[in-house]
Amino acid sequence: MIYNMKDYILRKHKIGESINFDIEHDELNYADCSPTHHGLQCNHMGGSETYNEIQELCVELVNIIKKIDKLNNIY
């Protein structure tokens, strides 16, 4: 059986008081440097409906990780 696996990498790092997240994939890069800014590069044009939906999902994913960390007493 042949599997076509694609890995997503989620990185969390703390710079000073800011906790930043990076989501990486072959076709996607998302950086969350809350509260100052975030950015997305993917296969869709910025401002398109699909781009906006992908960005919203990335924001939701980062918020889920933040909530898990808070509940688990991780910085």
PDB file of N, CA and C in Angstrom:
ATOM      1  N   MET A   1       0.839  -1.169   0.000  1.00  0.00           N
ATOM      2  CA  MET A   1       0.000   0.000   0.000  1.00  0.00           C
ATOM      3  C   MET A   1       0.896   1.249   0.000  1.00  0.00           C
ATOM      4  N   ILE A   2       0.582   2.195  -0.846  1.00  0.00           N
ATOM      5  CA  ILE A   2       1.342   3.439  -0.940  1.00  0.00           C
ATOM      6  C   ILE A   2       0.532   4.558  -0.293  1.00  0.00           C
ATOM      7  N   TYR A   3       1.198   5.284   0.594  1.00  0.00           N
ATOM      8  CA  TYR A   3       0.556   6.403   1.263  1.00  0.00           C
ATOM      9  C   TYR A   3       1.110   7.712   0.712  1.00  0.00           C
ATOM     10  N   ASN A   4       0.245   8.657   0.508  1.00  0.00           N
ATOM     11  CA  ASN A   4       0.662   9.991   0.097  1.00  0.00           C
ATOM     12  C   ASN A   4       0.522  10.896   1.315  1.00  0.00           C
ATOM     13  N   MET A   5       1.577  10.973   2.112  1.00  0.00           N
ATOM     14  CA  MET A   5       1.516  11.700   3.374  1.00  0.00           C
ATOM     15  C   MET A   5       2.081  13.097   3.208  1.00  0.00           C
ATOM     16  N   LYS A   6       1.399  14.054   3.794  1.00  0.00           N
ATOM     17  CA  LYS A   6       1.867  15.432   3.848  1.00  0.00           C
ATOM     18  C   LYS A   6       1.938  15.830   5.310  1.00  0.00           C
ATOM     19  N   ASP A   7       3.071  16.349   5.724  1.00  0.00           N
ATOM     20  CA  ASP A   7       3.258  16.741   7.113  1.00  0.00           C
ATOM     21  C   ASP A   7       2.987  18.226   7.300  1.00  0.00           C
ATOM     22  N   TYR A   8       2.300  18.531   8.361  1.00  0.00           N
ATOM     23  CA  TYR A   8       2.158  19.903   8.828  1.00  0.00           C
ATOM     24  C   TYR A   8       3.063  20.043  10.041  1.00  0.00           C
ATOM     25  N   ILE A   9       3.776  21.144  10.120  1.00  0.00           N
ATOM     26  CA  ILE A   9       4.635  21.419  11.259  1.00  0.00           C
ATOM     27  C   ILE A   9       4.071  22.626  11.982  1.00  0.00           C
ATOM     28  N   LEU A  10       3.861  22.481  13.272  1.00  0.00           N
ATOM     29  CA  LEU A  10       3.390  23.577  14.118  1.00  0.00           C
ATOM     30  C   LEU A  10       4.496  23.893  15.109  1.00  0.00           C
ATOM     31  N   ARG A  11       4.976  25.114  15.066  1.00  0.00           N
ATOM     32  CA  ARG A  11       6.030  25.541  15.985  1.00  0.00           C
ATOM     33  C   ARG A  11       5.487  26.643  16.876  1.00  0.00           C
ATOM     34  N   LYS A  12       5.889  26.592  18.139  1.00  0.00           N
ATOM     35  CA  LYS A  12       5.530  27.622  19.109  1.00  0.00           C
ATOM     36  C   LYS A  12       6.822  28.109  19.737  1.00  0.00           C
ATOM     37  N   HIS A  13       7.007  29.418  19.763  1.00  0.00           N
ATOM     38  CA  HIS A  13       8.200  29.955  20.385  1.00  0.00           C
ATOM     39  C   HIS A  13       7.870  31.264  21.077  1.00  0.00           C
ATOM     40  N   LYS A  14       8.613  31.534  22.124  1.00  0.00           N
ATOM     41  CA  LYS A  14       8.384  32.729  22.930  1.00  0.00           C
ATOM     42  C   LYS A  14       9.547  33.684  22.728  1.00  0.00           C
ATOM     43  N   ILE A  15       9.216  34.918  22.359  1.00  0.00           N
ATOM     44  CA  ILE A  15      10.201  35.978  22.203  1.00  0.00           C
ATOM     45  C   ILE A  15       9.778  37.100  23.130  1.00  0.00           C
ATOM     46  N   GLY A  16      10.530  37.280  24.221  1.00  0.00           N
ATOM     47  CA  GLY A  16      10.126  38.253  25.235  1.00  0.00           C
ATOM     48  C   GLY A  16       8.805  37.818  25.840  1.00  0.00           C
ATOM     49  N   GLU A  17       7.821  38.680  25.789  1.00  0.00           N
ATOM     50  CA  GLU A  17       6.493  38.351  26.308  1.00  0.00           C
ATOM     51  C   GLU A  17       5.560  37.823  25.216  1.00  0.00           C
ATOM     52  N   SER A  18       6.025  37.841  23.981  1.00  0.00           N
ATOM     53  CA  SER A  18       5.197  37.430  22.855  1.00  0.00           C
ATOM     54  C   SER A  18       5.354  35.935  22.582  1.00  0.00           C
ATOM     55  N   ILE A  19       4.234  35.242  22.437  1.00  0.00           N
ATOM     56  CA  ILE A  19       4.233  33.833  22.064  1.00  0.00           C
ATOM     57  C   ILE A  19       3.810  33.753  20.600  1.00  0.00           C
ATOM     58  N   ASN A  20       4.675  33.200  19.779  1.00  0.00           N
ATOM     59  CA  ASN A  20       4.444  33.151  18.340  1.00  0.00           C
ATOM     60  C   ASN A  20       4.238  31.718  17.877  1.00  0.00           C
ATOM     61  N   PHE A  21       3.467  31.570  16.804  1.00  0.00           N
ATOM     62  CA  PHE A  21       3.194  30.267  16.220  1.00  0.00           C
ATOM     63  C   PHE A  21       3.498  30.304  14.734  1.00  0.00           C
ATOM     64  N   ASP A  22       4.030  29.209  14.233  1.00  0.00           N
ATOM     65  CA  ASP A  22       4.233  29.019  12.795  1.00  0.00           C
ATOM     66  C   ASP A  22       3.574  27.704  12.412  1.00  0.00           C
ATOM     67  N   ILE A  23       2.829  27.720  11.324  1.00  0.00           N
ATOM     68  CA  ILE A  23       2.272  26.508  10.732  1.00  0.00           C
ATOM     69  C   ILE A  23       2.901  26.396   9.355  1.00  0.00           C
ATOM     70  N   GLU A  24       3.545  25.260   9.101  1.00  0.00           N
ATOM     71  CA  GLU A  24       4.238  25.082   7.826  1.00  0.00           C
ATOM     72  C   GLU A  24       3.781  23.803   7.144  1.00  0.00           C
ATOM     73  N   HIS A  25       3.737  23.878   5.833  1.00  0.00           N
ATOM     74  CA  HIS A  25       3.372  22.764   4.974  1.00  0.00           C
ATOM     75  C   HIS A  25       4.028  23.035   3.631  1.00  0.00           C
ATOM     76  N   ASP A  26       4.118  22.056   2.779  1.00  0.00           N
ATOM     77  CA  ASP A  26       4.716  22.266   1.454  1.00  0.00           C
ATOM     78  C   ASP A  26       4.061  23.432   0.718  1.00  0.00           C
ATOM     79  N   GLU A  27       2.771  23.600   0.891  1.00  0.00           N
ATOM     80  CA  GLU A  27       2.017  24.594   0.129  1.00  0.00           C
ATOM     81  C   GLU A  27       1.425  25.692   1.005  1.00  0.00           C
ATOM     82  N   LEU A  28       1.891  25.816   2.256  1.00  0.00           N
ATOM     83  CA  LEU A  28       1.283  26.786   3.161  1.00  0.00           C
ATOM     84  C   LEU A  28       2.286  27.215   4.221  1.00  0.00           C
ATOM     85  N   ASN A  29       2.348  28.506   4.474  1.00  0.00           N
ATOM     86  CA  ASN A  29       3.115  29.065   5.590  1.00  0.00           C
ATOM     87  C   ASN A  29       2.228  30.082   6.287  1.00  0.00           C
ATOM     88  N   TYR A  30       2.054  29.904   7.592  1.00  0.00           N
ATOM     89  CA  TYR A  30       1.257  30.834   8.377  1.00  0.00           C
ATOM     90  C   TYR A  30       2.060  31.202   9.621  1.00  0.00           C
ATOM     91  N   ALA A  31       2.114  32.478   9.919  1.00  0.00           N
ATOM     92  CA  ALA A  31       2.802  32.948  11.120  1.00  0.00           C
ATOM     93  C   ALA A  31       1.839  33.791  11.935  1.00  0.00           C
ATOM     94  N   ASP A  32       1.757  33.503  13.218  1.00  0.00           N
ATOM     95  CA  ASP A  32       0.934  34.272  14.140  1.00  0.00           C
ATOM     96  C   ASP A  32       1.857  34.892  15.178  1.00  0.00           C
ATOM     97  N   CYS A  33       2.004  36.188  15.126  1.00  0.00           N
ATOM     98  CA  CYS A  33       2.838  36.930  16.073  1.00  0.00           C
ATOM     99  C   CYS A  33       1.927  37.831  16.899  1.00  0.00           C
ATOM    100  N   SER A  34       0.917  37.224  17.490  1.00  0.00           N
ATOM    101  CA  SER A  34      -0.081  37.973  18.257  1.00  0.00           C
ATOM    102  C   SER A  34       0.559  38.757  19.374  1.00  0.00           C
ATOM    103  N   PRO A  35       0.058  39.874  19.735  1.00  0.00           N
ATOM    104  CA  PRO A  35      -1.132  40.500  19.149  1.00  0.00           C
ATOM    105  C   PRO A  35      -0.806  41.435  17.994  1.00  0.00           C
ATOM    106  N   THR A  36       0.435  41.491  17.554  1.00  0.00           N
ATOM    107  CA  THR A  36       0.811  42.515  16.587  1.00  0.00           C
ATOM    108  C   THR A  36       0.416  42.202  15.145  1.00  0.00           C
ATOM    109  N   HIS A  37       0.664  40.984  14.670  1.00  0.00           N
ATOM    110  CA  HIS A  37       0.335  40.690  13.277  1.00  0.00           C
ATOM    111  C   HIS A  37       0.365  39.190  12.999  1.00  0.00           C
ATOM    112  N   HIS A  38      -0.150  38.841  11.832  1.00  0.00           N
ATOM    113  CA  HIS A  38      -0.058  37.475  11.329  1.00  0.00           C
ATOM    114  C   HIS A  38       0.061  37.539   9.811  1.00  0.00           C
ATOM    115  N   GLY A  39       0.461  36.434   9.210  1.00  0.00           N
ATOM    116  CA  GLY A  39       0.600  36.409   7.760  1.00  0.00           C
ATOM    117  C   GLY A  39       0.405  35.014   7.213  1.00  0.00           C
ATOM    118  N   LEU A  40      -0.036  34.949   5.965  1.00  0.00           N
ATOM    119  CA  LEU A  40      -0.305  33.670   5.324  1.00  0.00           C
ATOM    120  C   LEU A  40       0.212  33.693   3.896  1.00  0.00           C
ATOM    121  N   GLN A  41       0.864  32.604   3.502  1.00  0.00           N
ATOM    122  CA  GLN A  41       1.214  32.353   2.114  1.00  0.00           C
ATOM    123  C   GLN A  41       0.660  30.984   1.767  1.00  0.00           C
ATOM    124  N   CYS A  42      -0.124  30.932   0.687  1.00  0.00           N
ATOM    125  CA  CYS A  42      -0.677  29.650   0.254  1.00  0.00           C
ATOM    126  C   CYS A  42      -0.889  29.706  -1.256  1.00  0.00           C
ATOM    127  N   ASN A  43      -1.600  28.741  -1.794  1.00  0.00           N
ATOM    128  CA  ASN A  43      -1.807  28.648  -3.241  1.00  0.00           C
ATOM    129  C   ASN A  43      -2.935  29.532  -3.758  1.00  0.00           C
ATOM    130  N   HIS A  44      -3.440  30.449  -2.957  1.00  0.00           N
ATOM    131  CA  HIS A  44      -4.560  31.298  -3.371  1.00  0.00           C
ATOM    132  C   HIS A  44      -4.202  32.763  -3.199  1.00  0.00           C
ATOM    133  N   MET A  45      -4.815  33.595  -3.972  1.00  0.00           N
ATOM    134  CA  MET A  45      -4.563  35.033  -3.930  1.00  0.00           C
ATOM    135  C   MET A  45      -5.135  35.630  -2.648  1.00  0.00           C
ATOM    136  N   GLY A  46      -4.354  36.529  -2.031  1.00  0.00           N
ATOM    137  CA  GLY A  46      -4.835  37.229  -0.847  1.00  0.00           C
ATOM    138  C   GLY A  46      -6.131  37.966  -1.143  1.00  0.00           C
ATOM    139  N   GLY A  47      -7.070  37.867  -0.221  1.00  0.00           N
ATOM    140  CA  GLY A  47      -8.356  38.522  -0.393  1.00  0.00           C
ATOM    141  C   GLY A  47      -9.416  37.653  -1.037  1.00  0.00           C
ATOM    142  N   SER A  48      -9.006  36.529  -1.646  1.00  0.00           N
ATOM    143  CA  SER A  48     -10.012  35.643  -2.241  1.00  0.00           C
ATOM    144  C   SER A  48     -10.768  34.922  -1.124  1.00  0.00           C
ATOM    145  N   GLU A  49     -11.922  34.406  -1.450  1.00  0.00           N
ATOM    146  CA  GLU A  49     -12.750  33.710  -0.460  1.00  0.00           C
ATOM    147  C   GLU A  49     -12.018  32.509   0.133  1.00  0.00           C
ATOM    148  N   THR A  50     -11.341  31.739  -0.714  1.00  0.00           N
ATOM    149  CA  THR A  50     -10.622  30.555  -0.239  1.00  0.00           C
ATOM    150  C   THR A  50      -9.449  30.955   0.651  1.00  0.00           C
ATOM    151  N   TYR A  51      -8.704  31.966   0.242  1.00  0.00           N
ATOM    152  CA  TYR A  51      -7.589  32.468   1.047  1.00  0.00           C
ATOM    153  C   TYR A  51      -8.087  32.893   2.425  1.00  0.00           C
ATOM    154  N   ASN A  52      -9.161  33.675   2.448  1.00  0.00           N
ATOM    155  CA  ASN A  52      -9.709  34.147   3.723  1.00  0.00           C
ATOM    156  C   ASN A  52     -10.160  32.995   4.607  1.00  0.00           C
ATOM    157  N   GLU A  53     -10.753  31.966   4.003  1.00  0.00           N
ATOM    158  CA  GLU A  53     -11.190  30.801   4.784  1.00  0.00           C
ATOM    159  C   GLU A  53      -9.988  30.052   5.364  1.00  0.00           C
ATOM    160  N   ILE A  54      -8.941  29.871   4.565  1.00  0.00           N
ATOM    161  CA  ILE A  54      -7.728  29.209   5.054  1.00  0.00           C
ATOM    162  C   ILE A  54      -7.132  30.009   6.207  1.00  0.00           C
ATOM    163  N   GLN A  55      -7.077  31.324   6.061  1.00  0.00           N
ATOM    164  CA  GLN A  55      -6.519  32.165   7.122  1.00  0.00           C
ATOM    165  C   GLN A  55      -7.353  32.058   8.395  1.00  0.00           C
ATOM    166  N   GLU A  56      -8.663  32.072   8.275  1.00  0.00           N
ATOM    167  CA  GLU A  56      -9.532  31.929   9.447  1.00  0.00           C
ATOM    168  C   GLU A  56      -9.301  30.591  10.144  1.00  0.00           C
ATOM    169  N   LEU A  57      -9.120  29.525   9.365  1.00  0.00           N
ATOM    170  CA  LEU A  57      -8.867  28.207   9.952  1.00  0.00           C
ATOM    171  C   LEU A  57      -7.523  28.162  10.670  1.00  0.00           C
ATOM    172  N   CYS A  58      -6.514  28.823  10.114  1.00  0.00           N
ATOM    173  CA  CYS A  58      -5.208  28.893  10.775  1.00  0.00           C
ATOM    174  C   CYS A  58      -5.323  29.636  12.103  1.00  0.00           C
ATOM    175  N   VAL A  59      -6.066  30.730  12.112  1.00  0.00           N
ATOM    176  CA  VAL A  59      -6.285  31.490  13.348  1.00  0.00           C
ATOM    177  C   VAL A  59      -6.987  30.604  14.375  1.00  0.00           C
ATOM    178  N   GLU A  60      -8.013  29.877  13.946  1.00  0.00           N
ATOM    179  CA  GLU A  60      -8.738  28.980  14.850  1.00  0.00           C
ATOM    180  C   GLU A  60      -7.815  27.900  15.402  1.00  0.00           C
ATOM    181  N   LEU A  61      -6.960  27.336  14.550  1.00  0.00           N
ATOM    182  CA  LEU A  61      -6.029  26.294  14.994  1.00  0.00           C
ATOM    183  C   LEU A  61      -5.076  26.823  16.054  1.00  0.00           C
ATOM    184  N   VAL A  62      -4.521  28.008  15.832  1.00  0.00           N
ATOM    185  CA  VAL A  62      -3.633  28.617  16.819  1.00  0.00           C
ATOM    186  C   VAL A  62      -4.390  28.871  18.118  1.00  0.00           C
ATOM    187  N   ASN A  63      -5.623  29.344  18.030  1.00  0.00           N
ATOM    188  CA  ASN A  63      -6.413  29.590  19.240  1.00  0.00           C
ATOM    189  C   ASN A  63      -6.705  28.300  20.000  1.00  0.00           C
ATOM    190  N   ILE A  64      -6.919  27.205  19.284  1.00  0.00           N
ATOM    191  CA  ILE A  64      -7.130  25.906  19.936  1.00  0.00           C
ATOM    192  C   ILE A  64      -5.870  25.492  20.694  1.00  0.00           C
ATOM    193  N   ILE A  65      -4.705  25.634  20.059  1.00  0.00           N
ATOM    194  CA  ILE A  65      -3.439  25.277  20.717  1.00  0.00           C
ATOM    195  C   ILE A  65      -3.213  26.156  21.945  1.00  0.00           C
ATOM    196  N   LYS A  66      -3.496  27.453  21.830  1.00  0.00           N
ATOM    197  CA  LYS A  66      -3.355  28.353  22.979  1.00  0.00           C
ATOM    198  C   LYS A  66      -4.248  27.910  24.133  1.00  0.00           C
ATOM    199  N   LYS A  67      -5.474  27.508  23.815  1.00  0.00           N
ATOM    200  CA  LYS A  67      -6.411  27.073  24.866  1.00  0.00           C
ATOM    201  C   LYS A  67      -5.927  25.775  25.507  1.00  0.00           C
ATOM    202  N   ILE A  68      -5.456  24.842  24.703  1.00  0.00           N
ATOM    203  CA  ILE A  68      -4.919  23.585  25.245  1.00  0.00           C
ATOM    204  C   ILE A  68      -3.751  23.881  26.170  1.00  0.00           C
ATOM    205  N   ASP A  69      -2.834  24.741  25.730  1.00  0.00           N
ATOM    206  CA  ASP A  69      -1.678  25.090  26.572  1.00  0.00           C
ATOM    207  C   ASP A  69      -2.109  25.726  27.872  1.00  0.00           C
ATOM    208  N   LYS A  70      -3.093  26.625  27.816  1.00  0.00           N
ATOM    209  CA  LYS A  70      -3.566  27.284  29.032  1.00  0.00           C
ATOM    210  C   LYS A  70      -4.168  26.267  30.003  1.00  0.00           C
ATOM    211  N   LEU A  71      -4.995  25.356  29.480  1.00  0.00           N
ATOM    212  CA  LEU A  71      -5.603  24.333  30.324  1.00  0.00           C
ATOM    213  C   LEU A  71      -4.561  23.369  30.878  1.00  0.00           C
ATOM    214  N   ASN A  72      -3.485  23.177  30.136  1.00  0.00           N
ATOM    215  CA  ASN A  72      -2.440  22.238  30.547  1.00  0.00           C
ATOM    216  C   ASN A  72      -1.297  22.938  31.293  1.00  0.00           C
ATOM    217  N   ASN A  73      -1.494  24.206  31.644  1.00  0.00           N
ATOM    218  CA  ASN A  73      -0.505  24.991  32.388  1.00  0.00           C
ATOM    219  C   ASN A  73       0.845  25.092  31.696  1.00  0.00           C
ATOM    220  N   ILE A  74       0.820  25.275  30.382  1.00  0.00           N
ATOM    221  CA  ILE A  74       2.026  25.481  29.594  1.00  0.00           C
ATOM    222  C   ILE A  74       2.047  26.952  29.194  1.00  0.00           C
ATOM    223  N   TYR A  75       3.259  27.574  29.224  1.00  0.00           N
ATOM    224  CA  TYR A  75       3.331  29.003  28.910  1.00  0.00           C
ATOM    225  C   TYR A  75       2.647  29.325  27.614  1.00  0.00           C
TER     226      TYR A  75
END
